[in-house]
């Protein structure tokens, strides 16, 4: 299999203190008719408005990563190299995920496993949606997976139970004030961890 491992220099070429943090918003659903773009587009806008982040949306329905991995000695597919470079450039991540059968989508797990150094020493937050649980069971499993990738997860996140009822026809949250407040809590935590980890990676590169 091929697991991309950009060099430490690639993953820690951080901008100077005071520059905006580079946030990759990962859209984990690839199903036809998915609700994911409604949630991810709104969140990307909220993250931009927060003021600390420059947002790059990585949509797994558009960047179709291979299901079958190449040998370790082989060259990665162009899409794998392209996505890997975007992950390496990111200072932080937010995963937007639905919940399928008490877990998260297989394509999202495939993406996480394809890379290693690109993730390490960085923070990740979660925006989930679904039925009555709002995707929280998917997030609990993702916390375990990302811990294995040497990442720190924000304590707070956003969850949308019965998500199709939580957004209006324009893709805006019905409870605009409450949702904005919850987003700010998570983004504030993410900004704190991003500043801390980015500074540390620049002074003392993370590696295992």
Protein backbone atom coordinates (compact mmCIF):
# COMPACT_ATOMS: atom_id res chain seq x y z
CA UNK A 1 0.00 0.00 0.00
CA UNK A 2 1.04 3.63 -0.34
CA UNK A 3 0.88 5.88 2.69
CA UNK A 4 1.99 9.38 1.77
CA UNK A 5 4.50 10.85 4.19
CA UNK A 6 5.46 14.38 3.30
CA UNK A 7 8.66 15.45 4.99
CA UNK A 8 8.69 17.29 8.29
CA UNK A 9 9.70 20.43 6.40
CA UNK A 10 6.61 20.07 4.21
CA UNK A 11 4.26 19.70 7.15
CA UNK A 12 5.81 22.40 9.32
CA UNK A 13 6.38 25.14 6.76
CA UNK A 14 4.04 27.30 8.81
CA UNK A 15 3.31 30.92 8.18
CA UNK A 16 4.71 33.54 10.51
CA UNK A 17 2.98 34.27 13.81
CA UNK A 18 -0.04 36.46 13.26
CA UNK A 19 -0.93 35.00 9.87
CA UNK A 20 -4.27 33.25 9.42
CA UNK A 21 -4.37 29.56 10.26
CA UNK A 22 -4.86 27.27 7.29
CA UNK A 23 -7.95 25.18 7.96
CA UNK A 24 -8.88 22.18 5.82
CA UNK A 25 -12.59 21.35 6.02
CA UNK A 26 -13.00 17.71 4.98
CA UNK A 27 -16.39 16.68 3.60
CA UNK A 28 -16.67 13.00 4.46
CA UNK A 29 -19.84 11.95 2.62
CA UNK A 30 -19.75 10.81 -1.01
CA UNK A 31 -23.30 9.51 -1.42
CA UNK A 32 -25.54 10.80 -4.18
CA UNK A 33 -28.18 13.14 -2.82
CA UNK A 34 -26.06 13.79 0.29
CA UNK A 35 -26.87 16.57 2.73
CA UNK A 36 -23.17 17.23 3.39
CA UNK A 37 -22.73 20.31 1.15
CA UNK A 38 -25.43 22.20 3.05
CA UNK A 39 -23.61 21.65 6.34
CA UNK A 40 -20.07 22.07 5.03
CA UNK A 41 -20.76 25.21 3.01
CA UNK A 42 -22.40 26.88 5.98
CA UNK A 43 -19.56 25.86 8.30
CA UNK A 44 -16.84 27.01 5.90
CA UNK A 45 -18.49 30.43 5.85
CA UNK A 46 -18.67 30.50 9.64
CA UNK A 47 -14.98 29.58 9.88
CA UNK A 48 -14.03 32.37 7.47
CA UNK A 49 -16.12 34.86 9.43
CA UNK A 50 -14.44 33.80 12.67
CA UNK A 51 -11.36 35.66 11.51
CA UNK A 52 -8.56 33.27 12.47
CA UNK A 53 -8.81 30.88 9.53
CA UNK A 54 -8.32 30.60 5.79
CA UNK A 55 -10.47 27.71 4.61
CA UNK A 56 -9.74 24.99 2.06
CA UNK A 57 -12.65 22.60 1.45
CA UNK A 58 -11.55 19.06 0.60
CA UNK A 59 -14.63 17.25 -0.70
CA UNK A 60 -14.14 13.49 -1.00
CA UNK A 61 -16.93 13.35 -3.59
CA UNK A 62 -14.81 15.55 -5.85
CA UNK A 63 -11.33 14.33 -4.95
CA UNK A 64 -11.99 10.62 -5.46
CA UNK A 65 -9.22 8.79 -3.67
CA UNK A 66 -8.45 5.22 -4.77
CA UNK A 67 -10.08 2.36 -2.89
CA UNK A 68 -7.18 0.03 -3.72
CA UNK A 69 -3.80 1.25 -2.54
CA UNK A 70 -0.64 1.06 -4.62
CA UNK A 71 2.42 -0.89 -3.40
CA UNK A 72 4.70 0.87 -0.93
CA UNK A 73 7.33 1.27 -3.62
CA UNK A 74 4.92 2.69 -6.18
CA UNK A 75 4.17 6.28 -7.00
CA UNK A 76 0.89 7.56 -5.53
CA UNK A 77 -1.94 8.44 -7.84
CA UNK A 78 -2.08 12.10 -8.83
CA UNK A 79 -5.19 12.72 -6.72
CA UNK A 80 -3.48 11.18 -3.67
CA UNK A 81 -0.45 13.43 -4.10
CA UNK A 82 -2.68 16.46 -4.64
CA UNK A 83 -4.81 15.85 -1.55
CA UNK A 84 -1.73 15.00 0.48
CA UNK A 85 -0.16 18.34 -0.36
CA UNK A 86 -3.28 20.17 0.77
CA UNK A 87 -3.36 18.23 4.04
CA UNK A 88 0.33 18.93 4.61
CA UNK A 89 -0.26 22.65 4.09
CA UNK A 90 -3.08 22.74 6.64
CA UNK A 91 -2.52 23.85 10.22
CA UNK A 92 -5.80 22.35 11.41
CA UNK A 93 -8.76 20.30 10.24
CA UNK A 94 -12.50 20.08 10.67
CA UNK A 95 -14.26 16.92 9.53
CA UNK A 96 -17.88 17.17 8.40
CA UNK A 97 -19.39 13.70 8.70
CA UNK A 98 -22.72 11.91 8.66
CA UNK A 99 -23.37 8.78 10.70
CA UNK A 100 -23.86 5.45 8.96
CA UNK A 101 -24.79 2.48 11.15
CA UNK A 102 -23.34 4.10 14.31
CA UNK A 103 -20.09 4.97 12.53
CA UNK A 104 -18.56 7.22 9.88
CA UNK A 105 -18.25 6.67 6.11
CA UNK A 106 -15.78 4.15 4.72
CA UNK A 107 -14.38 6.70 2.28
CA UNK A 108 -13.43 8.94 5.18
CA UNK A 109 -11.56 6.12 6.92
CA UNK A 110 -9.79 5.33 3.64
CA UNK A 111 -8.65 8.93 3.39
CA UNK A 112 -7.39 9.05 6.97
CA UNK A 113 -5.39 5.86 6.47
CA UNK A 114 -3.80 7.01 3.22
CA UNK A 115 -1.75 9.66 5.02
CA UNK A 116 0.42 9.88 8.12
CA UNK A 117 2.83 12.80 8.57
CA UNK A 118 0.28 15.15 7.05
CA UNK A 119 -1.90 14.69 10.15
CA UNK A 120 0.63 14.52 12.96
CA UNK A 121 0.86 17.17 15.63
CA UNK A 122 -2.22 19.06 14.43
CA UNK A 123 -5.71 19.64 15.85
CA UNK A 124 -9.03 18.49 14.44
CA UNK A 125 -12.62 19.44 15.18
CA UNK A 126 -15.89 17.82 14.14
CA UNK A 127 -19.19 18.84 12.59
CA UNK A 128 -21.62 15.93 12.44
CA UNK A 129 -25.16 15.44 11.28
CA UNK A 130 -27.69 12.65 11.02
CA UNK A 131 -30.85 11.35 12.62
CA UNK A 132 -31.66 11.46 16.30
CA UNK A 133 -28.01 11.19 17.41
CA UNK A 134 -26.79 13.99 15.16
CA UNK A 135 -23.77 11.91 14.15
CA UNK A 136 -22.24 11.89 17.64
CA UNK A 137 -21.46 8.17 17.52
CA UNK A 138 -19.46 8.71 14.33
CA UNK A 139 -17.50 11.46 16.05
CA UNK A 140 -16.70 9.32 19.09
CA UNK A 141 -15.12 6.73 16.80
CA UNK A 142 -13.26 9.39 14.83
CA UNK A 143 -11.68 10.66 18.04
CA UNK A 144 -10.07 7.25 18.54
CA UNK A 145 -8.85 7.06 14.96
CA UNK A 146 -7.33 10.54 14.98
CA UNK A 147 -5.63 9.91 18.32
CA UNK A 148 -3.75 7.10 16.58
CA UNK A 149 -2.65 9.65 13.98
CA UNK A 150 -1.03 11.70 16.78
CA UNK A 151 -3.63 14.47 16.68
CA UNK A 152 -5.49 16.45 19.32
CA UNK A 153 -9.28 16.81 19.06
CA UNK A 154 -11.33 19.74 20.27
CA UNK A 155 -13.54 18.97 23.22
CA UNK A 156 -16.55 20.77 21.70
CA UNK A 157 -18.01 20.26 18.27
CA UNK A 158 -21.21 20.79 16.33
CA UNK A 159 -23.91 18.15 15.92
CA UNK A 160 -27.13 18.45 13.94
CA UNK A 161 -29.78 15.83 14.82
CA UNK A 162 -32.50 15.60 12.19
CA UNK A 163 -30.23 17.86 10.18
CA UNK A 164 -32.66 18.43 7.31
CA UNK A 165 -34.91 20.23 9.81
CA UNK A 166 -32.09 22.42 11.13
CA UNK A 167 -31.38 24.33 7.90
CA UNK A 168 -33.68 26.48 5.82
CA UNK A 169 -34.08 26.52 2.04
CA UNK A 170 -31.10 28.86 1.71
CA UNK A 171 -28.78 26.54 3.63
CA UNK A 172 -28.80 28.69 6.77
CA UNK A 173 -29.33 27.29 10.28
CA UNK A 174 -32.86 27.77 11.55
CA UNK A 175 -31.46 28.61 15.00
CA UNK A 176 -28.96 31.12 13.66
CA UNK A 177 -27.92 32.62 17.01
CA UNK A 178 -27.55 29.31 18.86
CA UNK A 179 -25.69 27.64 16.03
CA UNK A 180 -23.34 30.59 15.59
CA UNK A 181 -22.57 30.56 19.31
CA UNK A 182 -21.80 26.83 19.25
CA UNK A 183 -19.59 27.26 16.19
CA UNK A 184 -17.64 30.02 17.91
CA UNK A 185 -16.94 27.82 20.93
CA UNK A 186 -15.48 25.09 18.75
CA UNK A 187 -13.56 27.48 16.50
CA UNK A 188 -12.11 29.31 19.50
CA UNK A 189 -10.84 26.00 20.88
CA UNK A 190 -9.51 25.00 17.48
CA UNK A 191 -7.70 28.33 17.10
CA UNK A 192 -6.06 27.88 20.52
CA UNK A 193 -4.82 24.40 19.67
CA UNK A 194 -3.77 25.50 16.18
CA UNK A 195 -1.65 28.35 17.48
CA UNK A 196 -0.08 26.08 20.10
CA UNK A 197 0.70 23.17 17.81
CA UNK A 198 1.86 25.31 14.89
CA UNK A 199 4.28 27.16 17.13
CA UNK A 200 5.59 23.92 18.60
CA UNK A 201 6.05 22.26 15.22
CA UNK A 202 8.10 25.24 14.06
CA UNK A 203 10.34 25.08 17.13
CA UNK A 204 10.44 21.33 17.64
CA UNK A 205 9.21 19.24 14.69
CA UNK A 206 6.84 16.46 15.64
CA UNK A 207 7.83 12.98 14.52
CA UNK A 208 7.48 9.35 15.52
